[in-house]
C-alpha cells in the first residue's frame, strides 16, 4: 500500500483530498503547515507528497527544495492561487505536476496513480 503525505493549511482541502485517496486504497498522512509536513516526512517513508504553495512557516517551494535535497520522491504542487507555470517549468520546480485545488476528483486520482507508477517528472499543469 502506497503512503502519501498531504501538506496544506486549509483543513477542508486536507480532509477532502485525504478521504478521496483513502477511498482509493492509499495510506494518507496530513500536515497543516510546511514545518509539520517536513517533520513527518523525515520520520516516515512516503511514496508521494502533495504540498500547497502558500503556507505559514515553510512554504511549498521550500518544502519541495528540502524534499528534493533528500530523495527523489514524486511531488505534486497545488495552489488555490493562479499559477503562471508552464509545463516545462515543473521540472525546474522539482515537481511532477502543478495542480489547482479545484482539480476534478478523477483527475487527481489518475495523476496520483501515474506519479506513483512512474516516479519521473511528467511536466503537467492541471
N, C-alpha and C. Protein backbone atom coordinates (compact mmCIF):
# COMPACT_ATOMS: atom_id res chain seq x y z
N UNK A 1 0.84 -1.17 0.00
CA UNK A 1 0.00 0.00 0.00
C UNK A 1 0.90 1.25 0.00
N UNK A 2 0.64 2.16 -0.90
CA UNK A 2 1.44 3.38 -1.04
C UNK A 2 1.07 4.39 0.04
N UNK A 3 2.08 5.13 0.48
CA UNK A 3 1.95 6.08 1.57
C UNK A 3 2.09 7.50 1.03
N UNK A 4 1.08 8.35 1.25
CA UNK A 4 1.04 9.70 0.70
C UNK A 4 0.99 10.72 1.84
N UNK A 5 1.76 11.79 1.68
CA UNK A 5 1.73 12.92 2.61
C UNK A 5 1.09 14.11 1.91
N UNK A 6 0.07 14.69 2.55
CA UNK A 6 -0.57 15.90 2.03
C UNK A 6 -0.29 17.03 3.01
N UNK A 7 0.24 18.14 2.50
CA UNK A 7 0.57 19.30 3.33
C UNK A 7 -0.23 20.50 2.83
N UNK A 8 -1.08 21.04 3.69
CA UNK A 8 -1.89 22.20 3.32
C UNK A 8 -2.43 22.85 4.58
N UNK A 9 -2.51 24.16 4.59
CA UNK A 9 -3.05 24.87 5.76
C UNK A 9 -4.57 25.00 5.70
N UNK A 10 -5.18 24.49 4.64
CA UNK A 10 -6.63 24.52 4.50
C UNK A 10 -7.19 23.17 4.95
N UNK A 11 -7.84 23.16 6.11
CA UNK A 11 -8.35 21.91 6.69
C UNK A 11 -9.37 21.23 5.78
N UNK A 12 -10.18 22.00 5.07
CA UNK A 12 -11.18 21.42 4.18
C UNK A 12 -10.51 20.64 3.04
N UNK A 13 -9.48 21.24 2.44
CA UNK A 13 -8.74 20.56 1.37
C UNK A 13 -8.08 19.31 1.91
N UNK A 14 -7.45 19.43 3.09
CA UNK A 14 -6.80 18.25 3.69
C UNK A 14 -7.80 17.11 3.85
N UNK A 15 -8.96 17.42 4.40
CA UNK A 15 -9.98 16.39 4.64
C UNK A 15 -10.51 15.79 3.35
N UNK A 16 -10.77 16.64 2.38
CA UNK A 16 -11.32 16.18 1.10
C UNK A 16 -10.33 15.29 0.35
N UNK A 17 -9.09 15.77 0.21
CA UNK A 17 -8.07 15.00 -0.50
C UNK A 17 -7.74 13.71 0.25
N UNK A 18 -7.67 13.80 1.58
CA UNK A 18 -7.36 12.61 2.38
C UNK A 18 -8.41 11.54 2.16
N UNK A 19 -9.68 11.90 2.28
CA UNK A 19 -10.75 10.90 2.13
C UNK A 19 -10.77 10.32 0.72
N UNK A 20 -10.57 11.17 -0.27
CA UNK A 20 -10.55 10.70 -1.66
C UNK A 20 -9.47 9.65 -1.87
N UNK A 21 -8.26 9.93 -1.35
CA UNK A 21 -7.15 9.00 -1.54
C UNK A 21 -7.26 7.77 -0.65
N UNK A 22 -7.84 7.91 0.54
CA UNK A 22 -8.12 6.74 1.37
C UNK A 22 -9.08 5.80 0.65
N UNK A 23 -10.11 6.39 0.03
CA UNK A 23 -11.09 5.60 -0.72
C UNK A 23 -10.45 4.85 -1.89
N UNK A 24 -9.32 5.38 -2.40
CA UNK A 24 -8.59 4.74 -3.49
C UNK A 24 -7.62 3.67 -2.99
N UNK A 25 -7.53 3.52 -1.67
CA UNK A 25 -6.70 2.46 -1.11
C UNK A 25 -5.31 2.88 -0.66
N UNK A 26 -5.04 4.18 -0.60
CA UNK A 26 -3.74 4.67 -0.16
C UNK A 26 -3.74 4.92 1.35
N UNK A 27 -2.57 4.86 1.95
CA UNK A 27 -2.37 5.35 3.31
C UNK A 27 -2.09 6.83 3.19
N UNK A 28 -2.76 7.65 4.00
CA UNK A 28 -2.62 9.10 3.87
C UNK A 28 -2.32 9.72 5.23
N UNK A 29 -1.30 10.57 5.24
CA UNK A 29 -0.93 11.36 6.41
C UNK A 29 -1.08 12.82 6.01
N UNK A 30 -1.57 13.66 6.93
CA UNK A 30 -1.74 15.07 6.62
C UNK A 30 -0.97 15.94 7.60
N UNK A 31 -0.62 17.13 7.12
CA UNK A 31 0.03 18.15 7.95
C UNK A 31 -0.56 19.50 7.56
N UNK A 32 -0.82 20.35 8.58
CA UNK A 32 -1.46 21.63 8.28
C UNK A 32 -0.49 22.80 8.07
N UNK A 33 0.81 22.50 7.98
CA UNK A 33 1.77 23.51 7.56
C UNK A 33 3.06 22.82 7.13
N UNK A 34 3.93 23.58 6.48
CA UNK A 34 5.15 23.01 5.93
C UNK A 34 6.12 22.50 6.98
N UNK A 35 6.18 23.16 8.12
CA UNK A 35 7.10 22.73 9.18
C UNK A 35 6.71 21.36 9.71
N UNK A 36 5.43 21.18 9.99
CA UNK A 36 4.95 19.87 10.46
C UNK A 36 5.11 18.83 9.36
N UNK A 37 4.81 19.23 8.12
CA UNK A 37 4.98 18.32 7.00
C UNK A 37 6.39 17.79 6.88
N UNK A 38 7.37 18.66 7.07
CA UNK A 38 8.76 18.22 6.97
C UNK A 38 9.14 17.30 8.14
N UNK A 39 8.63 17.58 9.32
CA UNK A 39 8.88 16.69 10.46
C UNK A 39 8.34 15.30 10.16
N UNK A 40 7.11 15.24 9.67
CA UNK A 40 6.50 13.95 9.32
C UNK A 40 7.28 13.26 8.20
N UNK A 41 7.69 14.04 7.21
CA UNK A 41 8.43 13.48 6.08
C UNK A 41 9.73 12.83 6.55
N UNK A 42 10.39 13.45 7.50
CA UNK A 42 11.67 12.92 8.00
C UNK A 42 11.48 11.68 8.87
N UNK A 43 10.30 11.49 9.42
CA UNK A 43 10.05 10.36 10.32
C UNK A 43 9.52 9.12 9.62
N UNK A 44 8.99 9.27 8.42
CA UNK A 44 8.29 8.19 7.76
C UNK A 44 8.70 8.13 6.30
N UNK A 45 8.56 6.98 5.69
CA UNK A 45 8.81 6.85 4.25
C UNK A 45 7.52 7.12 3.50
N UNK A 46 7.55 8.11 2.63
CA UNK A 46 6.39 8.43 1.81
C UNK A 46 6.71 8.14 0.35
N UNK A 47 5.69 7.68 -0.37
CA UNK A 47 5.83 7.39 -1.79
C UNK A 47 5.47 8.58 -2.66
N UNK A 48 4.75 9.56 -2.08
CA UNK A 48 4.32 10.74 -2.82
C UNK A 48 4.00 11.84 -1.81
N UNK A 49 4.31 13.08 -2.20
CA UNK A 49 3.96 14.25 -1.39
C UNK A 49 3.13 15.19 -2.25
N UNK A 50 2.03 15.66 -1.67
CA UNK A 50 1.22 16.71 -2.29
C UNK A 50 1.32 17.90 -1.35
N UNK A 51 1.83 19.03 -1.83
CA UNK A 51 2.00 20.18 -0.96
C UNK A 51 1.39 21.44 -1.56
N UNK A 52 0.82 22.24 -0.68
CA UNK A 52 0.30 23.54 -1.05
C UNK A 52 1.47 24.49 -1.32
N UNK A 53 1.23 25.53 -2.07
CA UNK A 53 2.26 26.53 -2.35
C UNK A 53 2.39 27.53 -1.20
N UNK A 54 1.28 28.17 -0.84
CA UNK A 54 1.31 29.23 0.16
C UNK A 54 0.84 28.72 1.52
N UNK A 55 1.80 28.63 2.45
CA UNK A 55 1.51 28.15 3.81
C UNK A 55 2.36 28.93 4.80
N UNK A 56 1.91 28.97 6.06
CA UNK A 56 2.72 29.62 7.09
C UNK A 56 3.96 28.78 7.43
N UNK A 57 4.92 29.41 8.00
CA UNK A 57 6.17 28.81 8.49
C UNK A 57 7.10 28.39 7.36
N UNK A 58 6.77 27.34 6.63
CA UNK A 58 7.58 26.91 5.49
C UNK A 58 6.64 26.78 4.29
N UNK A 59 6.91 27.53 3.22
CA UNK A 59 6.02 27.47 2.06
C UNK A 59 6.31 26.23 1.21
N UNK A 60 5.46 26.01 0.23
CA UNK A 60 5.58 24.82 -0.61
C UNK A 60 6.86 24.72 -1.39
N UNK A 61 7.38 25.84 -1.88
CA UNK A 61 8.63 25.81 -2.64
C UNK A 61 9.78 25.35 -1.74
N UNK A 62 9.80 25.82 -0.50
CA UNK A 62 10.84 25.40 0.44
C UNK A 62 10.67 23.93 0.81
N UNK A 63 9.44 23.48 0.99
CA UNK A 63 9.19 22.06 1.25
C UNK A 63 9.76 21.22 0.11
N UNK A 64 9.47 21.63 -1.11
CA UNK A 64 9.95 20.89 -2.30
C UNK A 64 11.48 20.89 -2.34
N UNK A 65 12.08 22.05 -2.09
CA UNK A 65 13.54 22.14 -2.11
C UNK A 65 14.15 21.19 -1.08
N UNK A 66 13.58 21.15 0.12
CA UNK A 66 14.11 20.28 1.17
C UNK A 66 13.91 18.80 0.83
N UNK A 67 12.75 18.46 0.32
CA UNK A 67 12.48 17.07 -0.05
C UNK A 67 13.44 16.63 -1.15
N UNK A 68 13.59 17.47 -2.18
CA UNK A 68 14.47 17.12 -3.30
C UNK A 68 15.93 17.02 -2.90
N UNK A 69 16.32 17.67 -1.81
CA UNK A 69 17.71 17.56 -1.35
C UNK A 69 17.95 16.25 -0.61
N UNK A 70 16.86 15.56 -0.26
CA UNK A 70 16.95 14.31 0.50
C UNK A 70 16.71 13.08 -0.37
N UNK A 71 15.72 13.17 -1.26
CA UNK A 71 15.28 11.99 -2.01
C UNK A 71 14.63 12.42 -3.32
N UNK A 72 14.20 11.44 -4.10
CA UNK A 72 13.55 11.71 -5.38
C UNK A 72 12.07 11.33 -5.36
N UNK A 73 11.44 11.40 -4.22
CA UNK A 73 10.02 11.07 -4.12
C UNK A 73 9.20 12.02 -5.02
N UNK A 74 8.19 11.50 -5.70
CA UNK A 74 7.34 12.36 -6.53
C UNK A 74 6.63 13.41 -5.68
N UNK A 75 6.53 14.62 -6.22
CA UNK A 75 5.89 15.73 -5.52
C UNK A 75 4.90 16.40 -6.46
N UNK A 76 3.71 16.68 -5.93
CA UNK A 76 2.69 17.45 -6.65
C UNK A 76 2.50 18.75 -5.89
N UNK A 77 2.63 19.88 -6.59
CA UNK A 77 2.43 21.20 -6.00
C UNK A 77 1.02 21.65 -6.31
N UNK A 78 0.32 22.15 -5.29
CA UNK A 78 -1.04 22.63 -5.52
C UNK A 78 -1.21 24.04 -4.96
N UNK A 79 -2.17 24.76 -5.53
CA UNK A 79 -2.45 26.10 -5.05
C UNK A 79 -3.86 26.50 -5.44
N UNK A 80 -4.46 27.34 -4.61
CA UNK A 80 -5.75 27.92 -4.97
C UNK A 80 -5.54 29.19 -5.77
N UNK A 81 -4.31 29.69 -5.74
CA UNK A 81 -3.96 30.90 -6.49
C UNK A 81 -3.65 30.54 -7.94
N UNK A 82 -3.73 31.53 -8.79
CA UNK A 82 -3.33 31.34 -10.17
C UNK A 82 -1.83 31.06 -10.21
N UNK A 83 -1.45 30.03 -10.92
CA UNK A 83 -0.04 29.67 -11.04
C UNK A 83 0.42 29.92 -12.47
N UNK A 84 1.24 30.92 -12.67
CA UNK A 84 1.74 31.17 -14.02
C UNK A 84 2.89 30.22 -14.34
N UNK A 85 2.57 28.95 -14.41
CA UNK A 85 3.59 27.92 -14.61
C UNK A 85 3.35 27.24 -15.95
N UNK A 86 4.38 27.17 -16.72
CA UNK A 86 4.33 26.44 -17.98
C UNK A 86 4.71 24.99 -17.72
N UNK A 87 4.24 24.06 -18.52
CA UNK A 87 4.60 22.65 -18.30
C UNK A 87 6.09 22.40 -18.15
N UNK A 88 6.92 23.08 -18.92
CA UNK A 88 8.36 22.87 -18.82
C UNK A 88 8.94 23.35 -17.49
N UNK A 89 8.23 24.24 -16.79
CA UNK A 89 8.71 24.78 -15.52
C UNK A 89 8.56 23.79 -14.37
N UNK A 90 7.73 22.78 -14.52
CA UNK A 90 7.53 21.83 -13.42
C UNK A 90 8.82 21.12 -13.07
N UNK A 91 9.61 20.79 -14.07
CA UNK A 91 10.89 20.14 -13.81
C UNK A 91 11.84 21.08 -13.08
N UNK A 92 11.81 22.35 -13.45
CA UNK A 92 12.65 23.33 -12.77
C UNK A 92 12.26 23.47 -11.30
N UNK A 93 10.96 23.38 -11.02
CA UNK A 93 10.49 23.45 -9.64
C UNK A 93 10.79 22.16 -8.87
N UNK A 94 11.08 21.10 -9.59
CA UNK A 94 11.35 19.82 -8.93
C UNK A 94 10.08 19.08 -8.57
N UNK A 95 9.04 19.28 -9.34
CA UNK A 95 7.76 18.62 -9.07
C UNK A 95 7.33 17.80 -10.28
N UNK A 96 6.43 16.86 -10.01
CA UNK A 96 5.88 16.06 -11.09
C UNK A 96 4.69 16.74 -11.76
N UNK A 97 3.98 17.56 -10.99
CA UNK A 97 2.81 18.24 -11.54
C UNK A 97 2.47 19.44 -10.67
N UNK A 98 1.76 20.38 -11.29
CA UNK A 98 1.21 21.53 -10.58
C UNK A 98 -0.29 21.49 -10.80
N UNK A 99 -1.04 21.54 -9.69
CA UNK A 99 -2.50 21.42 -9.79
C UNK A 99 -3.19 22.56 -9.05
N UNK A 100 -4.40 22.80 -9.46
CA UNK A 100 -5.28 23.71 -8.73
C UNK A 100 -6.01 22.89 -7.67
N UNK A 101 -6.36 23.51 -6.58
CA UNK A 101 -7.10 22.81 -5.53
C UNK A 101 -8.50 22.43 -6.00
N UNK A 102 -8.92 22.97 -7.11
CA UNK A 102 -10.24 22.64 -7.66
C UNK A 102 -10.17 21.49 -8.67
N UNK A 103 -9.06 20.78 -8.69
CA UNK A 103 -8.90 19.67 -9.63
C UNK A 103 -10.03 18.67 -9.45
N UNK A 104 -10.48 18.12 -10.53
CA UNK A 104 -11.52 17.09 -10.52
C UNK A 104 -11.01 15.86 -9.76
N UNK A 105 -11.89 15.22 -8.99
CA UNK A 105 -11.51 14.05 -8.20
C UNK A 105 -10.88 12.96 -9.06
N UNK A 106 -11.49 12.68 -10.20
CA UNK A 106 -10.97 11.64 -11.08
C UNK A 106 -9.57 12.00 -11.57
N UNK A 107 -9.39 13.26 -11.99
CA UNK A 107 -8.08 13.70 -12.48
C UNK A 107 -7.01 13.59 -11.40
N UNK A 108 -7.37 13.96 -10.16
CA UNK A 108 -6.41 13.85 -9.06
C UNK A 108 -6.01 12.40 -8.84
N UNK A 109 -6.98 11.52 -8.82
CA UNK A 109 -6.67 10.10 -8.59
C UNK A 109 -5.81 9.52 -9.71
N UNK A 110 -6.10 9.89 -10.94
CA UNK A 110 -5.30 9.42 -12.06
C UNK A 110 -3.89 9.99 -12.01
N UNK A 111 -3.76 11.24 -11.65
CA UNK A 111 -2.45 11.87 -11.54
C UNK A 111 -1.62 11.21 -10.44
N UNK A 112 -2.23 10.97 -9.30
CA UNK A 112 -1.54 10.31 -8.19
C UNK A 112 -1.08 8.92 -8.62
N UNK A 113 -1.96 8.18 -9.26
CA UNK A 113 -1.62 6.84 -9.74
C UNK A 113 -0.43 6.90 -10.70
N UNK A 114 -0.47 7.83 -11.63
CA UNK A 114 0.60 7.97 -12.61
C UNK A 114 1.93 8.31 -11.94
N UNK A 115 1.89 9.27 -11.03
CA UNK A 115 3.12 9.67 -10.33
C UNK A 115 3.70 8.51 -9.52
N UNK A 116 2.85 7.73 -8.90
CA UNK A 116 3.33 6.61 -8.10
C UNK A 116 3.89 5.48 -8.96
N UNK A 117 3.37 5.32 -10.15
CA UNK A 117 3.87 4.27 -11.03
C UNK A 117 5.20 4.63 -11.68
N UNK A 118 5.33 5.87 -12.12
CA UNK A 118 6.49 6.25 -12.92
C UNK A 118 7.61 6.93 -12.15
N UNK A 119 7.27 7.71 -11.17
CA UNK A 119 8.25 8.46 -10.38
C UNK A 119 9.23 9.25 -11.24
N UNK A 120 8.71 9.80 -12.32
CA UNK A 120 9.52 10.70 -13.14
C UNK A 120 8.73 11.97 -13.37
N UNK A 121 9.43 13.02 -13.72
CA UNK A 121 8.74 14.30 -13.97
C UNK A 121 7.86 14.15 -15.21
N UNK A 122 6.58 14.43 -15.06
CA UNK A 122 5.67 14.29 -16.18
C UNK A 122 5.31 15.65 -16.79
N UNK A 123 5.84 16.70 -16.20
CA UNK A 123 5.65 18.04 -16.75
C UNK A 123 4.18 18.34 -17.07
N UNK A 124 3.35 18.32 -16.06
CA UNK A 124 1.94 18.58 -16.24
C UNK A 124 1.49 19.74 -15.35
N UNK A 125 0.61 20.57 -15.88
CA UNK A 125 -0.04 21.62 -15.11
C UNK A 125 -1.54 21.38 -15.26
N UNK A 126 -2.23 21.21 -14.13
CA UNK A 126 -3.68 20.95 -14.15
C UNK A 126 -4.41 22.11 -13.52
